[in-house]
Amino acid sequence: MGVREALEAFLRRASDFLRPPGVEEVPVLGALGRVLAEDVKAPMDLPPFSRATMDGYAVRAEDTYEARPDRPVRLKIVG
């Protein structure tokens, strides 16, 4: 069997595994670790004010080396 024939035979047998999985509905409590089949859009912005772009802040570790509970450091917001 040549390379082309072997590849075609492999793809025929593997086609069931290469297809995307079907869509199914599951209860919210059973959805952990699963992937949504479509986007979910919120009817309104929450929170209704600006906040960090990616839900957090990046901090350079070296900027916190001198921080202590009784002597906090002041960090500069950039970006």
N, C-alpha and C. Protein backbone atom coordinates (compact mmCIF):
# COMPACT_ATOMS: atom_id res chain seq x y z
N MET A 1 0.86 -1.17 0.00
CA MET A 1 0.00 0.00 0.00
C MET A 1 0.91 1.23 0.00
N GLY A 2 0.59 2.16 -0.90
CA GLY A 2 1.37 3.39 -0.99
C GLY A 2 0.97 4.39 0.09
N VAL A 3 1.73 5.47 0.15
CA VAL A 3 1.47 6.51 1.16
C VAL A 3 0.09 7.11 0.98
N ARG A 4 -0.28 7.43 -0.26
CA ARG A 4 -1.58 8.04 -0.52
C ARG A 4 -2.72 7.11 -0.09
N GLU A 5 -2.61 5.84 -0.45
CA GLU A 5 -3.65 4.88 -0.07
C GLU A 5 -3.73 4.72 1.45
N ALA A 6 -2.58 4.68 2.12
CA ALA A 6 -2.56 4.54 3.57
C ALA A 6 -3.20 5.76 4.24
N LEU A 7 -2.90 6.94 3.72
CA LEU A 7 -3.49 8.15 4.27
C LEU A 7 -5.00 8.17 4.08
N GLU A 8 -5.46 7.80 2.90
CA GLU A 8 -6.91 7.75 2.65
C GLU A 8 -7.59 6.75 3.56
N ALA A 9 -6.99 5.58 3.76
CA ALA A 9 -7.57 4.56 4.65
C ALA A 9 -7.60 5.08 6.09
N PHE A 10 -6.54 5.73 6.50
CA PHE A 10 -6.50 6.29 7.85
C PHE A 10 -7.60 7.33 8.04
N LEU A 11 -7.73 8.25 7.09
CA LEU A 11 -8.74 9.31 7.20
C LEU A 11 -10.15 8.74 7.20
N ARG A 12 -10.40 7.69 6.43
CA ARG A 12 -11.73 7.06 6.45
C ARG A 12 -12.04 6.49 7.83
N ARG A 13 -11.08 5.81 8.41
CA ARG A 13 -11.30 5.20 9.72
C ARG A 13 -11.33 6.23 10.85
N ALA A 14 -10.58 7.31 10.69
CA ALA A 14 -10.50 8.32 11.75
C ALA A 14 -11.58 9.38 11.64
N SER A 15 -12.36 9.36 10.56
CA SER A 15 -13.33 10.44 10.34
C SER A 15 -14.34 10.57 11.49
N ASP A 16 -14.71 9.47 12.12
CA ASP A 16 -15.64 9.55 13.25
C ASP A 16 -15.04 10.31 14.43
N PHE A 17 -13.73 10.21 14.58
CA PHE A 17 -13.06 10.89 15.69
C PHE A 17 -12.74 12.34 15.36
N LEU A 18 -12.70 12.69 14.07
CA LEU A 18 -12.33 14.03 13.65
C LEU A 18 -13.53 14.96 13.54
N ARG A 19 -14.72 14.42 13.59
CA ARG A 19 -15.92 15.26 13.50
C ARG A 19 -16.11 16.03 14.80
N PRO A 20 -16.59 17.29 14.70
CA PRO A 20 -16.87 18.01 15.94
C PRO A 20 -18.00 17.32 16.69
N PRO A 21 -17.97 17.36 18.02
CA PRO A 21 -19.04 16.72 18.79
C PRO A 21 -20.37 17.43 18.57
N GLY A 22 -21.44 16.73 18.78
CA GLY A 22 -22.77 17.32 18.63
C GLY A 22 -23.09 18.27 19.78
N VAL A 23 -24.20 18.96 19.65
CA VAL A 23 -24.64 19.90 20.67
C VAL A 23 -25.66 19.20 21.55
N GLU A 24 -25.55 19.41 22.85
CA GLU A 24 -26.52 18.84 23.77
C GLU A 24 -26.78 19.84 24.89
N GLU A 25 -27.94 19.76 25.50
CA GLU A 25 -28.26 20.61 26.64
C GLU A 25 -28.01 19.84 27.92
N VAL A 26 -27.36 20.52 28.87
CA VAL A 26 -27.10 19.91 30.17
C VAL A 26 -27.47 20.92 31.25
N PRO A 27 -27.81 20.46 32.45
CA PRO A 27 -28.10 21.39 33.54
C PRO A 27 -26.85 22.19 33.90
N VAL A 28 -27.03 23.38 34.43
CA VAL A 28 -25.89 24.24 34.78
C VAL A 28 -24.92 23.50 35.70
N LEU A 29 -25.42 22.78 36.67
CA LEU A 29 -24.54 22.07 37.60
C LEU A 29 -23.75 20.96 36.92
N GLY A 30 -24.18 20.52 35.75
CA GLY A 30 -23.45 19.49 35.02
C GLY A 30 -22.57 20.06 33.92
N ALA A 31 -22.44 21.39 33.86
CA ALA A 31 -21.72 22.04 32.77
C ALA A 31 -20.25 22.29 33.06
N LEU A 32 -19.79 22.00 34.27
CA LEU A 32 -18.40 22.24 34.62
C LEU A 32 -17.47 21.46 33.69
N GLY A 33 -16.50 22.15 33.10
CA GLY A 33 -15.52 21.51 32.23
C GLY A 33 -15.99 21.33 30.80
N ARG A 34 -17.17 21.85 30.48
CA ARG A 34 -17.70 21.71 29.12
C ARG A 34 -17.51 23.00 28.35
N VAL A 35 -17.75 22.98 27.04
CA VAL A 35 -17.58 24.14 26.17
C VAL A 35 -18.92 24.55 25.62
N LEU A 36 -19.19 25.86 25.62
CA LEU A 36 -20.46 26.36 25.07
C LEU A 36 -20.50 26.17 23.56
N ALA A 37 -21.66 25.86 23.03
CA ALA A 37 -21.83 25.70 21.59
C ALA A 37 -22.00 27.04 20.90
N GLU A 38 -22.40 28.07 21.64
CA GLU A 38 -22.57 29.41 21.06
C GLU A 38 -22.29 30.46 22.13
N ASP A 39 -22.07 31.69 21.67
CA ASP A 39 -21.80 32.78 22.60
C ASP A 39 -23.03 33.09 23.45
N VAL A 40 -22.77 33.53 24.67
CA VAL A 40 -23.83 33.99 25.57
C VAL A 40 -23.60 35.48 25.77
N LYS A 41 -24.62 36.28 25.53
CA LYS A 41 -24.50 37.73 25.66
C LYS A 41 -25.35 38.21 26.83
N ALA A 42 -24.78 39.06 27.66
CA ALA A 42 -25.50 39.63 28.80
C ALA A 42 -26.40 40.76 28.31
N PRO A 43 -27.59 40.91 28.89
CA PRO A 43 -28.49 41.99 28.47
C PRO A 43 -28.01 43.36 28.92
N MET A 44 -27.06 43.42 29.87
CA MET A 44 -26.54 44.70 30.34
C MET A 44 -25.10 44.51 30.81
N ASP A 45 -24.36 45.62 30.89
CA ASP A 45 -22.98 45.55 31.37
C ASP A 45 -22.97 45.41 32.89
N LEU A 46 -22.19 44.47 33.37
CA LEU A 46 -22.00 44.32 34.81
C LEU A 46 -20.52 44.14 35.08
N PRO A 47 -19.90 44.92 35.90
CA PRO A 47 -20.49 46.05 36.62
C PRO A 47 -20.74 47.21 35.66
N PRO A 48 -21.60 48.14 36.04
CA PRO A 48 -21.95 49.25 35.14
C PRO A 48 -20.91 50.38 35.17
N PHE A 49 -19.64 50.04 35.36
CA PHE A 49 -18.58 51.04 35.38
C PHE A 49 -17.31 50.40 34.83
N SER A 50 -16.34 51.23 34.46
CA SER A 50 -15.09 50.73 33.90
C SER A 50 -14.29 49.99 34.96
N ARG A 51 -13.65 48.93 34.54
CA ARG A 51 -12.76 48.21 35.44
C ARG A 51 -11.61 47.65 34.62
N ALA A 52 -10.74 46.88 35.21
CA ALA A 52 -9.57 46.37 34.50
C ALA A 52 -10.00 45.63 33.25
N THR A 53 -9.27 45.83 32.17
CA THR A 53 -9.61 45.24 30.89
C THR A 53 -9.75 43.72 30.95
N MET A 54 -8.87 43.08 31.66
CA MET A 54 -8.90 41.62 31.72
C MET A 54 -9.25 41.11 33.12
N ASP A 55 -10.10 41.84 33.82
CA ASP A 55 -10.55 41.43 35.15
C ASP A 55 -9.41 41.28 36.15
N GLY A 56 -8.45 42.14 36.07
CA GLY A 56 -7.36 42.08 37.03
C GLY A 56 -6.26 43.06 36.69
N TYR A 57 -5.24 43.06 37.47
CA TYR A 57 -4.10 43.95 37.26
C TYR A 57 -2.84 43.11 37.23
N ALA A 58 -1.88 43.54 36.45
CA ALA A 58 -0.57 42.90 36.44
C ALA A 58 0.35 43.72 37.33
N VAL A 59 1.11 43.05 38.16
CA VAL A 59 2.03 43.73 39.08
C VAL A 59 3.40 43.09 38.92
N ARG A 60 4.42 43.94 38.81
CA ARG A 60 5.79 43.41 38.77
C ARG A 60 6.19 43.01 40.19
N ALA A 61 6.65 41.81 40.35
CA ALA A 61 7.02 41.31 41.67
C ALA A 61 8.03 42.23 42.35
N GLU A 62 8.99 42.73 41.58
CA GLU A 62 10.03 43.57 42.18
C GLU A 62 9.46 44.85 42.80
N ASP A 63 8.30 45.29 42.32
CA ASP A 63 7.67 46.48 42.89
C ASP A 63 7.05 46.21 44.27
N THR A 64 6.96 44.97 44.66
CA THR A 64 6.32 44.62 45.94
C THR A 64 7.31 44.09 46.98
N TYR A 65 8.59 43.99 46.63
CA TYR A 65 9.58 43.39 47.54
C TYR A 65 9.65 44.09 48.89
N GLU A 66 9.48 45.40 48.91
CA GLU A 66 9.60 46.16 50.17
C GLU A 66 8.28 46.24 50.93
N ALA A 67 7.21 45.69 50.39
CA ALA A 67 5.90 45.81 51.03
C ALA A 67 5.84 44.97 52.30
N ARG A 68 5.20 45.53 53.32
CA ARG A 68 4.97 44.85 54.59
C ARG A 68 3.57 45.23 55.05
N PRO A 69 2.93 44.43 55.90
CA PRO A 69 1.59 44.78 56.38
C PRO A 69 1.55 46.17 57.03
N ASP A 70 2.62 46.52 57.73
CA ASP A 70 2.65 47.83 58.38
C ASP A 70 3.27 48.92 57.50
N ARG A 71 3.76 48.54 56.31
CA ARG A 71 4.39 49.50 55.41
C ARG A 71 4.05 49.13 53.96
N PRO A 72 2.80 49.37 53.53
CA PRO A 72 2.42 49.02 52.16
C PRO A 72 3.16 49.88 51.14
N VAL A 73 3.26 49.37 49.94
CA VAL A 73 3.88 50.16 48.86
C VAL A 73 2.78 50.77 48.00
N ARG A 74 3.10 51.87 47.37
CA ARG A 74 2.17 52.53 46.46
C ARG A 74 2.57 52.13 45.05
N LEU A 75 1.62 51.58 44.30
CA LEU A 75 1.88 51.15 42.93
C LEU A 75 1.28 52.15 41.95
N LYS A 76 1.99 52.39 40.85
CA LYS A 76 1.53 53.32 39.83
C LYS A 76 0.70 52.56 38.80
N ILE A 77 -0.47 53.10 38.47
CA ILE A 77 -1.33 52.50 37.44
C ILE A 77 -0.91 53.06 36.09
N VAL A 78 -0.61 52.19 35.15
CA VAL A 78 -0.20 52.61 33.80
C VAL A 78 -1.02 51.83 32.78
N GLY A 79 -1.01 52.33 31.53
CA GLY A 79 -1.64 51.59 30.45
C GLY A 79 -3.06 51.81 30.23
